[in-house]
Amino acid sequence: MMELTLPSLGEGIEKGTIISILVNVGDTIEQEQPLMEVETDKVVVEVPADAAGVVSEIMASIGDEITEGTAFISLSNNGGPDEKIIPEAPKIEIKNSEEVNPEVVDAPPKEEVKTKAVETVLKLPSLGEGIEKGTVIALHVKSGDVIEKEQTLMEVETDKVVVEVPSDAAGTILEVIVNVGDEIGVDAPILSIRSNTAIPIEKTVPIEQPVAETNGTAKTPAAKPQNPSPIPAEPAPKPKANGSKYRSTPLARRLAREIGVDITQVQPQFASNRIGVKDVKHFAKTQNTQKSAGNTVMLPALPDFSKWGDVEVKDMSGIMQATSRNMPTAWSIIPHAWLQEKVDITQLEAKRQEHKLQVKEMGGALTLTCILVKVLAQALEKFPIFNASLDAEKQQIVFKDYVNIGIAVDSDRGLMVPVVKNANDKKLTEIALELSQLSAKVRDKKITPEALEGATFTISNLGGIGTSAIFPLVSHPQAAILGVAASTIEPVFIKDAFEPRLMMPLTIGFDHRIINGADAARFLQHIKHLLQDWFLWNL
């Protein structure tokens, strides 16, 4: 008899859950034949046979959590209960009466390296902080393609950005599981591949002294295996039944424990036969929604608009859906207040025109927006409360030692807010170059989630469109936002006469819980002073 034990499932993976068994008692199997499928917290792995023989006993069941080194199948070479699988000793040729050199015969075994094919299911990795799903908008591979590790497989549009999804492993694609247009969640299977894994295999064994025969050949008694089967590790305890006919993945059970969800109450929504992470998250979200139902505004159903004419229905993009969720949150939890001011930017615009060609030659664009970023970076250092966040639960104010300014951008996919990090440490020309690069990435759909995170203050500039006033909403957890409308030529009374001046409307929106009107007025006046006096700061 010979017991097969669970081999290594991959670097850092010590256990998994059996999701299918591919052989039965009495089956004759070959070496490297797949015996079962084990799901780990990363992939689904086919477990191959380390030896050939007849299955005499299967010591594990579907749903068992099994660890590396645990015995799961016993084999016999022909089904006999007392027979052992012993590798055949190699034959050694002896010419006539020449003696065999025992040093050669007893040479230590050589280690050969062999590869075995492993089928792996790749899953959608994390798309960024707080992003749980996305829509497949492009596929860059197909079945039969040979791919390398880190090669781009597809593009997924989230509610923030378009993300290129790289491969976690190299191999040949067996099946592309998703299609363009599919909405998929983190950890959802996207494709399966077959990869080759190198495994050291010992073949040569110590050989006893041969016995010469009359025909000049020597036969060697069958040798015992050099390395006996290791003592099986104590099997991992079976997971508790979930109280229904559905199984659950290890990740799902762990998540359920961490967030306090009773796994026995969860039903699969996103797969037909087992409970996954998405099911646990969906269950928790549903429970939370039901608990807060008393505070939820029920939206009335829309009328049938087609009664009055033709209609066309289009799905909202991921970014539009995110905006529709975030704006009610900002409006409901932040008591907004706004103050307005007009700034004379006549001299500022003259200076901008004077220097814009110089910045353009450097690869950037000297726009009013990048000038506002520079001015606000200085103003936020002087008025740190506008760069802070309120922790309402702990009744604390979080002050940041960095200034990251987000710029609201109207893209073809909805509102996006790329962020200029550490704007207070950068020159105006550096900000102009960085904003040009960020704008290009938004336009080409190459912006990364990291480029949209970490803003401590936001600018919403609609001046290029032509509006005369703007009242922007503060983006939680920020404390304030600056709205900029279109600049116009207006008559201004200066030294006993009216003069035509270029006036730019500004609106500061702020969280009235931590910022009062007087502070907001002083902050807005400071910005006005900086914009009207070019010599207070330089390129």
Protein backbone atom coordinates (compact mmCIF):
# COMPACT_ATOMS: atom_id res chain seq x y z
CA MET A 1 0.00 0.00 0.00
CA MET A 2 1.10 3.56 -0.65
CA GLU A 3 -0.49 6.74 0.67
CA LEU A 4 -0.53 9.89 -1.45
CA THR A 5 -0.27 13.16 0.44
CA LEU A 6 -1.27 16.70 -0.54
CA PRO A 7 1.71 18.40 -2.20
CA SER A 8 2.56 22.10 -1.97
CA LEU A 9 -0.22 24.19 -3.51
CA GLY A 10 1.96 27.25 -4.10
CA GLU A 11 4.14 29.72 -2.28
CA GLY A 12 2.58 30.77 1.01
CA ILE A 13 -0.44 28.44 0.55
CA GLU A 14 -0.68 25.76 3.23
CA LYS A 15 -4.26 24.50 2.90
CA GLY A 16 -7.34 24.43 0.72
CA THR A 17 -10.85 23.03 0.42
CA ILE A 18 -11.62 19.98 -1.74
CA ILE A 19 -14.26 20.97 -4.30
CA SER A 20 -14.20 17.84 -6.50
CA ILE A 21 -12.76 14.31 -6.50
CA LEU A 22 -11.94 12.98 -9.97
CA VAL A 23 -11.33 9.25 -9.21
CA ASN A 24 -13.15 6.37 -7.49
CA VAL A 25 -12.07 3.35 -5.45
CA GLY A 26 -10.91 0.63 -7.85
CA ASP A 27 -9.79 3.04 -10.59
CA THR A 28 -6.41 2.39 -12.17
CA ILE A 29 -4.53 5.68 -12.36
CA GLU A 30 -1.37 6.86 -14.06
CA GLN A 31 1.35 9.08 -12.62
CA GLU A 32 0.48 12.81 -13.01
CA GLN A 33 -3.21 12.00 -13.54
CA PRO A 34 -5.44 14.63 -11.82
CA LEU A 35 -7.00 13.20 -8.67
CA MET A 36 -8.98 16.10 -7.25
CA GLU A 37 -9.47 19.88 -7.29
CA VAL A 38 -8.58 22.00 -4.25
CA GLU A 39 -9.68 25.60 -3.85
CA THR A 40 -7.25 27.84 -1.96
CA ASP A 41 -7.68 31.50 -1.05
CA LYS A 42 -6.11 32.39 -4.39
CA VAL A 43 -6.76 29.76 -7.07
CA VAL A 44 -8.30 26.37 -7.83
CA VAL A 45 -5.54 23.73 -8.18
CA GLU A 46 -5.67 20.27 -9.74
CA VAL A 47 -3.78 17.75 -7.55
CA PRO A 48 -1.94 15.13 -9.67
CA ALA A 49 -0.93 11.61 -8.68
CA ASP A 50 2.67 11.15 -7.55
CA ALA A 51 2.58 7.48 -8.59
CA ALA A 52 0.61 4.96 -10.66
CA GLY A 53 -1.56 2.22 -9.19
CA VAL A 54 -5.06 1.19 -8.20
CA VAL A 55 -7.11 3.37 -5.84
CA SER A 56 -7.79 1.27 -2.75
CA GLU A 57 -9.16 3.99 -0.46
CA ILE A 58 -10.17 7.66 -0.66
CA MET A 59 -9.58 9.23 2.75
CA ALA A 60 -11.04 12.67 2.08
CA SER A 61 -14.42 14.06 1.00
CA ILE A 62 -15.70 17.05 -0.95
CA GLY A 63 -15.86 20.04 1.38
CA ASP A 64 -12.96 18.92 3.58
CA GLU A 65 -10.30 21.49 4.39
CA ILE A 66 -7.00 19.73 3.77
CA THR A 67 -3.46 20.82 4.61
CA GLU A 68 -0.13 20.21 2.89
CA GLY A 69 1.25 16.74 3.77
CA THR A 70 -2.15 15.22 4.64
CA ALA A 71 -2.79 11.75 3.20
CA PHE A 72 -5.91 11.64 1.03
CA ILE A 73 -5.66 8.49 -1.18
CA SER A 74 -4.04 5.06 -0.76
CA LEU A 75 -2.88 3.03 -3.75
CA SER A 76 -1.94 -0.57 -4.47
CA ASN A 77 -0.15 -1.67 -7.60
CA ASN A 78 -2.79 -4.21 -8.62
CA GLY A 79 -5.49 -3.89 -6.01
CA GLY A 80 -3.99 -6.46 -3.55
CA PRO A 81 -4.30 -5.43 0.08
CA ASP A 82 -0.74 -6.30 1.09
CA GLU A 83 1.24 -5.23 -1.94
CA LYS A 84 3.45 -2.19 -2.04
CA ILE A 85 4.35 0.04 -4.94
CA ILE A 86 8.10 -0.32 -5.33
CA PRO A 87 10.00 1.32 -8.13
CA GLU A 88 11.77 -1.15 -10.38
CA ALA A 89 15.52 -1.17 -9.88
CA PRO A 90 17.54 -0.44 -13.00
CA LYS A 91 19.44 -3.28 -14.63
CA ILE A 92 23.21 -3.13 -14.90
CA GLU A 93 25.09 -4.72 -17.75
CA ILE A 94 28.27 -6.71 -16.92
CA LYS A 95 30.60 -7.60 -19.72
CA ASN A 96 31.68 -11.26 -19.43
CA SER A 97 33.46 -11.83 -16.13
CA GLU A 98 34.34 -8.23 -15.34
CA GLU A 99 33.56 -7.24 -11.76
CA VAL A 100 31.17 -4.48 -10.97
CA ASN A 101 32.66 -1.47 -9.27
CA PRO A 102 30.65 -1.19 -6.06
CA GLU A 103 31.43 2.53 -5.82
CA VAL A 104 29.62 3.03 -9.10
CA VAL A 105 26.70 0.84 -8.08
CA ASP A 106 26.26 2.55 -4.73
CA ALA A 107 26.51 6.09 -6.14
CA PRO A 108 24.07 8.50 -4.50
CA PRO A 109 20.77 8.98 -6.32
CA LYS A 110 20.59 11.77 -8.85
CA GLU A 111 17.79 14.27 -8.72
CA GLU A 112 15.94 14.96 -11.92
CA VAL A 113 13.72 17.93 -12.51
CA LYS A 114 10.37 17.23 -14.08
CA THR A 115 7.48 19.53 -14.89
CA LYS A 116 3.82 18.90 -14.37
CA ALA A 117 0.91 20.78 -15.91
CA VAL A 118 -1.30 22.58 -13.41
CA GLU A 119 -4.63 24.13 -14.30
CA THR A 120 -5.13 27.44 -12.53
CA VAL A 121 -8.16 29.71 -12.43
CA LEU A 122 -7.16 33.38 -12.34
CA LYS A 123 -9.45 35.71 -10.44
CA LEU A 124 -10.06 39.44 -10.65
CA PRO A 125 -7.59 41.11 -8.26
CA SER A 126 -8.29 44.17 -6.13
CA LEU A 127 -9.06 47.17 -8.35
CA GLY A 128 -8.31 49.79 -5.71
CA GLU A 129 -9.42 50.87 -2.26
CA GLY A 130 -13.19 50.71 -1.89
CA ILE A 131 -13.74 49.32 -5.41
CA GLU A 132 -15.58 45.98 -5.39
CA LYS A 133 -16.65 45.53 -9.02
CA GLY A 134 -16.22 46.75 -12.58
CA THR A 135 -17.33 46.21 -16.16
CA VAL A 136 -15.14 44.43 -18.72
CA ILE A 137 -14.66 46.87 -21.60
CA ALA A 138 -11.82 45.14 -23.50
CA LEU A 139 -10.21 41.67 -23.71
CA HIS A 140 -6.58 41.44 -24.85
CA VAL A 141 -6.24 37.62 -24.88
CA LYS A 142 -8.17 34.58 -26.12
CA SER A 143 -8.24 30.83 -25.63
CA GLY A 144 -5.01 29.18 -26.76
CA ASP A 145 -2.82 32.25 -26.19
CA VAL A 146 0.46 31.76 -24.32
CA ILE A 147 0.77 34.51 -21.72
CA GLU A 148 3.52 35.76 -19.42
CA LYS A 149 3.23 36.83 -15.82
CA GLU A 150 2.14 40.52 -15.49
CA GLN A 151 0.87 40.53 -19.10
CA THR A 152 -2.28 42.65 -19.53
CA LEU A 153 -5.34 40.40 -19.87
CA MET A 154 -8.23 42.86 -20.02
CA GLU A 155 -9.46 46.35 -19.17
CA VAL A 156 -12.10 46.84 -16.49
CA GLU A 157 -14.02 50.08 -15.98
CA THR A 158 -14.81 50.79 -12.35
CA ASP A 159 -16.78 53.65 -10.87
CA LYS A 160 -13.54 55.63 -10.78
CA VAL A 161 -11.09 54.55 -13.47
CA VAL A 162 -10.31 52.09 -16.24
CA VAL A 163 -7.91 49.46 -14.83
CA GLU A 164 -5.64 47.15 -16.80
CA VAL A 165 -5.78 43.66 -15.23
CA PRO A 166 -2.41 41.81 -15.31
CA SER A 167 -1.89 38.06 -15.16
CA ASP A 168 -0.77 36.52 -11.87
CA ALA A 169 0.89 33.60 -13.64
CA ALA A 170 2.32 32.42 -16.96
CA GLY A 171 0.86 29.62 -19.07
CA THR A 172 -1.53 28.74 -21.87
CA ILE A 173 -5.10 30.04 -21.72
CA LEU A 174 -7.65 27.22 -21.63
CA GLU A 175 -10.78 29.35 -21.36
CA VAL A 176 -11.70 33.03 -21.08
CA ILE A 177 -14.58 32.96 -18.61
CA VAL A 178 -15.77 36.57 -18.98
CA ASN A 179 -17.01 38.60 -21.94
CA VAL A 180 -16.92 42.28 -22.86
CA GLY A 181 -19.80 43.99 -21.07
CA ASP A 182 -19.84 41.61 -18.08
CA GLU A 183 -19.95 43.19 -14.63
CA ILE A 184 -17.59 41.25 -12.38
CA GLY A 185 -16.56 41.54 -8.76
CA VAL A 186 -13.22 41.21 -7.00
CA ASP A 187 -12.19 37.51 -6.72
CA ALA A 188 -14.51 36.50 -9.58
CA PRO A 189 -12.90 33.94 -11.97
CA ILE A 190 -11.83 35.56 -15.24
CA LEU A 191 -9.92 32.84 -17.09
CA SER A 192 -8.25 29.46 -16.65
CA ILE A 193 -4.69 28.64 -17.70
CA ARG A 194 -2.46 25.60 -17.80
CA SER A 195 1.04 26.26 -16.52
CA ASN A 196 4.12 24.07 -16.03
CA THR A 197 5.57 23.73 -12.54
CA ALA A 198 9.06 22.34 -11.97
CA ILE A 199 9.19 19.44 -9.47
CA PRO A 200 12.34 17.59 -8.36
CA ILE A 201 11.84 13.80 -8.69
CA GLU A 202 14.20 11.19 -7.31
CA LYS A 203 14.41 8.15 -9.55
CA THR A 204 17.64 6.32 -8.73
CA VAL A 205 17.70 4.15 -5.60
CA PRO A 206 20.47 2.28 -3.78
CA ILE A 207 21.12 -1.09 -5.44
CA GLU A 208 22.28 -4.27 -3.74
CA GLN A 209 25.23 -6.32 -5.00
CA PRO A 210 24.17 -7.84 -8.35
CA VAL A 211 24.22 -11.58 -9.02
CA ALA A 212 25.86 -12.51 -12.32
CA GLU A 213 24.10 -14.85 -14.73
CA THR A 214 25.48 -16.97 -17.54
CA ASN A 215 24.29 -14.59 -20.21
CA GLY A 216 26.48 -11.79 -18.88
CA THR A 217 23.79 -9.70 -17.25
CA ALA A 218 23.15 -9.10 -13.59
CA LYS A 219 19.80 -8.89 -11.87
CA THR A 220 19.28 -6.81 -8.77
CA PRO A 221 16.71 -7.61 -6.12
CA ALA A 222 13.97 -4.99 -5.94
CA ALA A 223 15.08 -2.21 -3.60
CA LYS A 224 12.94 -0.52 -1.02
CA PRO A 225 12.18 3.13 -1.68
CA GLN A 226 14.92 5.36 -0.37
CA ASN A 227 12.44 7.83 1.07
CA PRO A 228 9.45 6.14 2.71
CA SER A 229 6.16 7.95 2.67
CA PRO A 230 6.15 10.73 5.26
CA ILE A 231 3.96 10.34 8.30
CA PRO A 232 0.70 12.01 7.35
CA ALA A 233 0.04 15.28 9.08
CA GLU A 234 -3.00 15.38 11.31
CA PRO A 235 -5.93 16.22 9.05
CA ALA A 236 -7.33 19.70 9.43
CA PRO A 237 -10.73 19.80 11.10
CA LYS A 238 -13.67 19.81 8.75
CA PRO A 239 -15.53 23.08 8.47
CA LYS A 240 -18.86 23.22 10.18
CA ALA A 241 -21.83 22.56 7.98
CA ASN A 242 -23.52 25.77 6.88
CA GLY A 243 -26.96 24.47 7.65
CA SER A 244 -27.95 24.10 4.00
CA LYS A 245 -26.99 22.17 0.91
CA TYR A 246 -24.47 24.84 -0.13
CA ARG A 247 -20.76 24.78 0.59
CA SER A 248 -18.72 27.90 1.30
CA THR A 249 -15.19 28.87 0.34
CA PRO A 250 -12.48 29.41 2.98
CA LEU A 251 -12.33 33.13 2.15
CA ALA A 252 -16.09 33.44 2.54
CA ARG A 253 -16.04 31.76 5.94
CA ARG A 254 -13.15 33.92 7.11
CA LEU A 255 -14.87 37.13 5.95
CA ALA A 256 -18.11 36.06 7.61
CA ARG A 257 -16.29 35.54 10.91
CA GLU A 258 -14.53 38.90 10.66
CA ILE A 259 -17.68 40.96 9.98
CA GLY A 260 -20.00 38.98 12.23
CA VAL A 261 -22.14 37.29 9.58
CA ASP A 262 -23.75 33.90 10.29
CA ILE A 263 -22.58 31.84 7.30
CA THR A 264 -25.52 29.45 7.78
CA GLN A 265 -27.90 32.26 6.79
CA VAL A 266 -26.12 33.11 3.54
CA GLN A 267 -27.42 31.85 0.21
CA PRO A 268 -25.34 31.85 -3.01
CA GLN A 269 -26.29 34.69 -5.35
CA PHE A 270 -23.32 34.78 -7.74
CA ALA A 271 -22.57 31.04 -8.19
CA SER A 272 -24.73 27.95 -8.47
CA ASN A 273 -23.19 25.59 -5.94
CA ARG A 274 -21.16 27.41 -3.29
CA ILE A 275 -21.08 30.54 -1.14
CA GLY A 276 -18.31 32.98 -2.04
CA VAL A 277 -17.00 36.29 -0.75
CA LYS A 278 -19.43 38.26 -2.92
CA ASP A 279 -22.35 36.37 -1.40
CA VAL A 280 -21.21 37.24 2.14
CA LYS A 281 -20.77 40.91 1.20
CA HIS A 282 -24.17 40.97 -0.50
CA PHE A 283 -25.81 39.39 2.55
CA ALA A 284 -24.15 41.89 4.93
CA LYS A 285 -25.15 44.82 2.74
CA THR A 286 -28.74 43.60 2.60
CA GLN A 287 -28.86 43.20 6.36
CA ASN A 288 -27.50 46.70 6.93
CA THR A 289 -30.02 48.14 4.49
CA GLN A 290 -32.87 46.41 6.28
CA LYS A 291 -31.66 47.65 9.68
CA SER A 292 -31.62 51.25 8.47
CA ALA A 293 -34.86 50.95 6.49
CA GLY A 294 -36.58 53.33 8.88
CA ASN A 295 -34.14 56.08 7.87
CA THR A 296 -34.19 55.29 4.16
CA VAL A 297 -36.11 57.46 1.75
CA MET A 298 -38.18 55.26 -0.55
CA LEU A 299 -38.01 56.60 -4.09
CA PRO A 300 -41.32 56.60 -5.99
CA ALA A 301 -41.49 54.52 -9.14
CA LEU A 302 -41.16 56.35 -12.44
CA PRO A 303 -44.19 56.65 -14.68
CA ASP A 304 -44.33 54.89 -18.03
CA PHE A 305 -42.83 57.64 -20.19
CA SER A 306 -43.44 55.64 -23.37
CA LYS A 307 -47.15 56.55 -23.13
CA TRP A 308 -46.29 60.01 -24.40
CA GLY A 309 -43.66 59.16 -27.01
CA ASP A 310 -40.56 57.17 -27.88
CA VAL A 311 -37.93 56.70 -25.19
CA GLU A 312 -34.40 55.33 -25.05
CA VAL A 313 -32.94 53.71 -21.92
CA LYS A 314 -29.17 53.61 -21.33
CA ASP A 315 -27.21 52.18 -18.43
CA MET A 316 -25.25 54.63 -16.29
CA SER A 317 -21.48 54.27 -16.48
CA GLY A 318 -19.62 53.06 -13.41
CA ILE A 319 -18.39 56.58 -12.68
CA MET A 320 -21.89 58.04 -12.98
CA GLN A 321 -23.21 55.38 -10.60
CA ALA A 322 -20.49 56.25 -8.07
CA THR A 323 -21.35 59.95 -8.32
CA SER A 324 -25.04 59.22 -7.80
CA ARG A 325 -24.15 57.33 -4.60
CA ASN A 326 -21.57 59.78 -3.24
CA MET A 327 -23.48 63.02 -3.75
CA PRO A 328 -26.48 62.08 -1.55
CA THR A 329 -24.01 60.99 1.12
CA ALA A 330 -22.19 64.33 0.97
CA TRP A 331 -25.47 66.27 1.03
CA SER A 332 -27.02 64.28 3.88
CA ILE A 333 -24.11 64.22 6.36
CA ILE A 334 -22.42 67.59 5.70
CA PRO A 335 -24.24 70.82 6.64
CA HIS A 336 -23.17 72.98 3.70
CA ALA A 337 -22.61 76.72 3.64
CA TRP A 338 -21.26 78.91 0.81
CA LEU A 339 -19.65 82.32 0.46
CA GLN A 340 -18.95 84.12 -2.82
CA GLU A 341 -16.44 86.69 -3.98
CA LYS A 342 -15.26 88.21 -7.26
CA VAL A 343 -11.55 88.55 -7.94
CA ASP A 344 -9.93 91.03 -10.30
CA ILE A 345 -7.56 88.85 -12.35
CA THR A 346 -6.72 91.42 -15.03
CA GLN A 347 -3.02 91.55 -14.14
CA LEU A 348 -2.92 87.83 -13.41
CA GLU A 349 -4.25 87.02 -16.88
CA ALA A 350 -1.68 89.34 -18.46
CA LYS A 351 1.10 87.53 -16.61
CA ARG A 352 -0.34 84.15 -17.61
CA GLN A 353 -0.32 85.13 -21.28
CA GLU A 354 3.26 86.38 -20.89
CA HIS A 355 4.57 83.07 -19.48
CA LYS A 356 2.31 80.41 -21.05
CA LEU A 357 4.57 79.86 -24.08
CA GLN A 358 7.54 79.22 -21.77
CA VAL A 359 5.59 76.58 -19.86
CA LYS A 360 4.25 75.06 -23.10
CA GLU A 361 7.82 74.52 -24.34
CA MET A 362 8.43 72.57 -21.12
CA GLY A 363 5.51 70.27 -21.91
CA GLY A 364 2.84 71.81 -19.68
CA ALA A 365 -0.03 74.26 -19.90
CA LEU A 366 -0.17 77.41 -17.74
CA THR A 367 -3.92 77.46 -17.04
CA LEU A 368 -5.93 79.32 -14.43
CA THR A 369 -6.58 75.96 -12.77
CA CYS A 370 -2.90 75.24 -12.13
CA ILE A 371 -2.48 78.81 -10.83
CA LEU A 372 -5.39 78.20 -8.45
CA VAL A 373 -3.72 74.97 -7.25
CA LYS A 374 -0.56 76.90 -6.41
CA VAL A 375 -2.48 79.69 -4.65
CA LEU A 376 -4.69 77.27 -2.69
CA ALA A 377 -1.66 75.24 -1.57
CA GLN A 378 -0.30 78.35 0.13
CA ALA A 379 -3.69 79.37 1.54
CA LEU A 380 -4.31 75.91 3.03
CA GLU A 381 -1.01 76.06 4.91
CA LYS A 382 -2.15 79.34 6.46
CA PHE A 383 -5.69 78.06 7.17
CA PRO A 384 -5.22 74.35 8.08
CA ILE A 385 -8.86 73.84 9.13
CA PHE A 386 -9.80 73.88 5.42
CA ASN A 387 -7.36 71.00 4.87
CA ALA A 388 -8.77 68.95 7.77
CA SER A 389 -11.44 66.25 8.21
CA LEU A 390 -14.06 65.74 10.92
CA ASP A 391 -14.27 62.40 12.72
CA ALA A 392 -17.87 62.79 13.89
CA GLU A 393 -17.93 59.50 15.79
CA LYS A 394 -14.89 60.36 17.93
CA GLN A 395 -15.64 64.10 17.95
CA GLN A 396 -12.13 64.85 16.70
CA ILE A 397 -10.63 66.92 13.88
CA VAL A 398 -7.90 65.31 11.77
CA PHE A 399 -5.31 67.83 10.55
CA LYS A 400 -3.05 66.75 7.68
CA ASP A 401 0.56 67.83 7.27
CA TYR A 402 0.30 67.47 3.49
CA VAL A 403 -1.74 69.31 0.88
CA ASN A 404 -3.26 67.16 -1.88
CA ILE A 405 -5.54 69.10 -4.20
CA GLY A 406 -8.10 67.34 -6.37
CA ILE A 407 -9.29 68.88 -9.64
CA ALA A 408 -12.80 67.92 -10.78
CA VAL A 409 -12.67 66.91 -14.46
CA ASP A 410 -15.70 66.40 -16.72
CA SER A 411 -14.74 63.31 -18.75
CA ASP A 412 -16.77 61.38 -21.32
CA ARG A 413 -17.37 58.76 -18.60
CA GLY A 414 -18.49 61.15 -15.89
CA LEU A 415 -16.93 63.26 -13.15
CA MET A 416 -13.34 62.32 -12.25
CA VAL A 417 -11.04 64.01 -9.73
CA PRO A 418 -7.29 63.47 -10.30
CA VAL A 419 -5.11 64.66 -7.42
CA VAL A 420 -1.96 66.79 -7.33
CA LYS A 421 -0.08 65.33 -4.35
CA ASN A 422 1.98 67.58 -2.04
CA ALA A 423 1.05 70.67 -4.04
CA ASN A 424 2.48 72.93 -1.32
CA ASP A 425 5.99 71.61 -2.08
CA LYS A 426 5.82 72.19 -5.85
CA LYS A 427 6.57 75.15 -8.07
CA LEU A 428 3.95 76.48 -10.45
CA THR A 429 5.75 75.00 -13.46
CA GLU A 430 5.82 71.56 -11.79
CA ILE A 431 2.10 71.76 -11.11
CA ALA A 432 1.44 72.78 -14.73
CA LEU A 433 3.40 69.78 -16.04
CA GLU A 434 1.73 67.36 -13.65
CA LEU A 435 -1.77 68.60 -14.45
CA SER A 436 -1.09 68.19 -18.18
CA GLN A 437 -0.02 64.59 -17.60
CA LEU A 438 -3.05 63.83 -15.41
CA SER A 439 -5.41 65.36 -17.97
CA ALA A 440 -3.89 63.21 -20.73
CA LYS A 441 -4.36 60.07 -18.64
CA VAL A 442 -8.00 60.92 -17.97
CA ARG A 443 -8.56 61.60 -21.67
CA ASP A 444 -6.84 58.33 -22.71
CA LYS A 445 -8.58 56.32 -19.95
CA LYS A 446 -5.21 55.44 -18.43
CA ILE A 447 -5.65 57.15 -15.06
CA THR A 448 -4.85 54.85 -12.11
CA PRO A 449 -6.84 54.54 -8.86
CA GLU A 450 -3.83 55.90 -6.95
CA ALA A 451 -4.00 59.13 -8.99
CA LEU A 452 -7.60 59.68 -7.81
CA GLU A 453 -7.06 59.08 -4.09
CA GLY A 454 -5.92 61.16 -1.14
CA ALA A 455 -7.34 64.62 -1.93
CA THR A 456 -7.58 66.97 1.04
CA PHE A 457 -9.29 69.81 -0.88
CA THR A 458 -11.02 70.05 -4.27
CA ILE A 459 -11.31 72.66 -7.02
CA SER A 460 -14.31 72.61 -9.36
CA ASN A 461 -13.62 74.99 -12.26
CA LEU A 462 -16.49 75.45 -14.72
CA GLY A 463 -15.11 78.70 -16.11
CA GLY A 464 -14.30 77.12 -19.45
CA ILE A 465 -17.95 76.20 -19.98
CA GLY A 466 -19.28 79.66 -19.23
CA THR A 467 -21.40 79.58 -16.08
CA SER A 468 -21.73 82.75 -14.01
CA ALA A 469 -21.95 81.06 -10.57
CA ILE A 470 -21.37 77.65 -8.99
CA PHE A 471 -22.35 76.10 -5.64
CA PRO A 472 -20.33 72.86 -5.41
CA LEU A 473 -20.90 70.09 -2.85
CA VAL A 474 -18.12 69.24 -0.43
CA SER A 475 -16.70 65.76 -1.06
CA HIS A 476 -16.72 63.72 2.15
CA PRO A 477 -14.43 63.45 4.14
CA GLN A 478 -13.00 66.79 3.00
CA ALA A 479 -14.01 70.01 4.77
CA ALA A 480 -14.26 72.45 1.86
CA ILE A 481 -14.31 72.95 -1.92
CA LEU A 482 -13.63 75.93 -4.19
CA GLY A 483 -15.99 76.59 -7.11
CA VAL A 484 -14.81 78.75 -10.02
CA ALA A 485 -17.15 80.27 -12.62
CA ALA A 486 -16.43 82.00 -15.93
CA SER A 487 -14.46 85.25 -15.90
CA THR A 488 -16.08 88.26 -17.56
CA ILE A 489 -15.17 91.87 -18.33
CA GLU A 490 -16.99 94.17 -15.91
CA PRO A 491 -16.80 97.91 -15.14
CA VAL A 492 -15.01 98.57 -11.85
CA PHE A 493 -14.90 101.98 -10.21
CA ILE A 494 -11.19 102.84 -9.65
CA LYS A 495 -9.87 106.31 -8.75
CA ASP A 496 -12.98 108.29 -9.66
CA ALA A 497 -13.56 106.39 -12.91
CA PHE A 498 -14.89 103.11 -14.24
CA GLU A 499 -12.39 100.76 -15.82
CA PRO A 500 -12.95 97.48 -17.66
CA ARG A 501 -11.56 94.65 -15.51
CA LEU A 502 -11.51 90.86 -15.89
CA MET A 503 -13.47 89.51 -12.90
CA MET A 504 -13.53 85.86 -11.82
CA PRO A 505 -16.37 84.61 -9.52
CA LEU A 506 -15.29 82.28 -6.68
CA THR A 507 -17.44 80.27 -4.27
CA ILE A 508 -16.13 78.54 -1.17
CA GLY A 509 -18.32 75.68 0.02
CA PHE A 510 -17.55 74.37 3.50
CA ASP A 511 -18.61 72.01 6.28
CA HIS A 512 -20.33 74.28 8.78
CA ARG A 513 -19.70 71.83 11.63
CA ILE A 514 -16.02 72.76 11.86
CA ILE A 515 -15.71 75.94 9.74
CA ASN A 516 -17.64 79.07 10.60
CA GLY A 517 -18.57 81.90 8.24
CA ALA A 518 -15.91 84.30 9.52
CA ASP A 519 -13.10 81.81 8.87
CA ALA A 520 -14.50 81.10 5.42
CA ALA A 521 -14.60 84.84 4.63
CA ARG A 522 -11.00 85.31 5.74
CA PHE A 523 -9.89 82.27 3.71
CA LEU A 524 -11.64 83.58 0.59
CA GLN A 525 -10.15 87.06 1.05
CA HIS A 526 -6.67 85.55 1.39
CA ILE A 527 -7.12 83.67 -1.90
CA LYS A 528 -8.33 86.89 -3.53
CA HIS A 529 -5.28 88.77 -2.25
CA LEU A 530 -2.87 86.15 -3.62
CA LEU A 531 -4.56 86.08 -7.03
CA GLN A 532 -4.51 89.86 -7.37
CA ASP A 533 -0.87 90.26 -6.32
CA TRP A 534 1.37 88.28 -8.66
CA PHE A 535 4.51 89.20 -6.73
CA LEU A 536 3.49 87.30 -3.59
CA TRP A 537 4.56 84.07 -5.29
CA ASN A 538 6.65 83.12 -8.31
CA LEU A 539 7.13 80.42 -10.92
